[in-house]
Protein backbone atom coordinates (compact mmCIF):
# COMPACT_ATOMS: atom_id res chain seq x y z
CA MET A 1 238.63 -182.08 80.63
CA SER A 2 237.33 -182.56 77.40
CA ASN A 3 238.27 -185.22 75.42
CA PRO A 4 240.63 -184.31 72.48
CA SER A 5 237.90 -186.45 69.81
CA GLU A 6 235.26 -184.05 71.24
CA THR A 7 233.60 -181.95 69.26
CA VAL A 8 232.27 -178.11 70.37
CA TYR A 9 228.57 -179.28 69.89
CA ASP A 10 229.21 -182.30 71.97
CA ARG A 11 230.12 -180.24 74.78
CA VAL A 12 227.65 -177.84 74.20
CA ALA A 13 225.40 -180.95 74.74
CA ARG A 14 227.34 -182.10 77.93
CA LEU A 15 226.70 -178.96 79.38
CA GLU A 16 223.22 -178.68 78.46
CA ASP A 17 222.56 -182.11 80.33
CA GLU A 18 224.06 -180.88 83.14
CA VAL A 19 221.62 -177.82 83.22
CA ALA A 20 219.03 -179.59 82.99
CA LEU A 21 220.29 -182.42 86.15
CA LEU A 22 220.53 -178.59 88.03
CA ARG A 23 217.68 -177.39 87.46
CA THR A 24 215.79 -180.26 88.74
CA GLU A 25 217.75 -179.86 91.95
CA ILE A 26 216.99 -176.67 92.02
CA ASP A 27 213.66 -177.18 92.07
CA ARG A 28 213.95 -180.51 94.55
CA LEU A 29 215.39 -177.60 96.66
CA LYS A 30 212.69 -174.74 96.33
CA GLY A 31 209.56 -177.50 96.78
CA ALA A 32 211.44 -178.69 99.91
CA VAL A 33 211.67 -174.86 101.54
CA ARG A 34 208.37 -174.07 100.73
CA SER A 35 207.29 -177.32 102.85
CA LYS A 36 209.27 -176.50 105.25
CA ILE A 37 207.82 -172.81 105.27
CA ALA A 38 204.17 -174.19 105.12
CA ARG A 39 204.76 -176.60 107.90
CA HIS A 40 206.17 -174.01 110.02
CA GLU A 41 203.55 -171.40 109.56
CA ILE A 42 200.61 -174.74 110.04
CA SER A 43 202.42 -175.13 113.42
CA LEU A 44 202.66 -170.88 113.70
CA ILE A 45 198.34 -170.54 112.66
CA LYS A 46 197.39 -174.04 115.63
CA GLY A 47 199.50 -172.32 117.90
CA GLY A 48 197.61 -169.20 117.91
CA GLN A 49 200.06 -166.68 116.58
CA ASP A 50 197.91 -164.71 113.35
CA ILE A 51 200.58 -164.52 109.95
CA THR A 52 201.57 -163.65 106.92
CA SER A 53 202.94 -165.92 104.58
CA ILE A 54 205.89 -165.70 102.59
CA ILE A 55 205.20 -167.93 99.92
CA ASP A 56 202.65 -166.35 96.87
């Protein structure tokens, strides 16, 4: 809950910080998924399979 002495501007600033942290986490997760997909595609190619990447 919010502090009674907290202004609307303080709350907005705190929420903006939380959003920034969440965006950073999402970017990290997206990078991890892309890396996992790339590793999987490489293993398929090494196995002689022809693939079409889903990452552009």
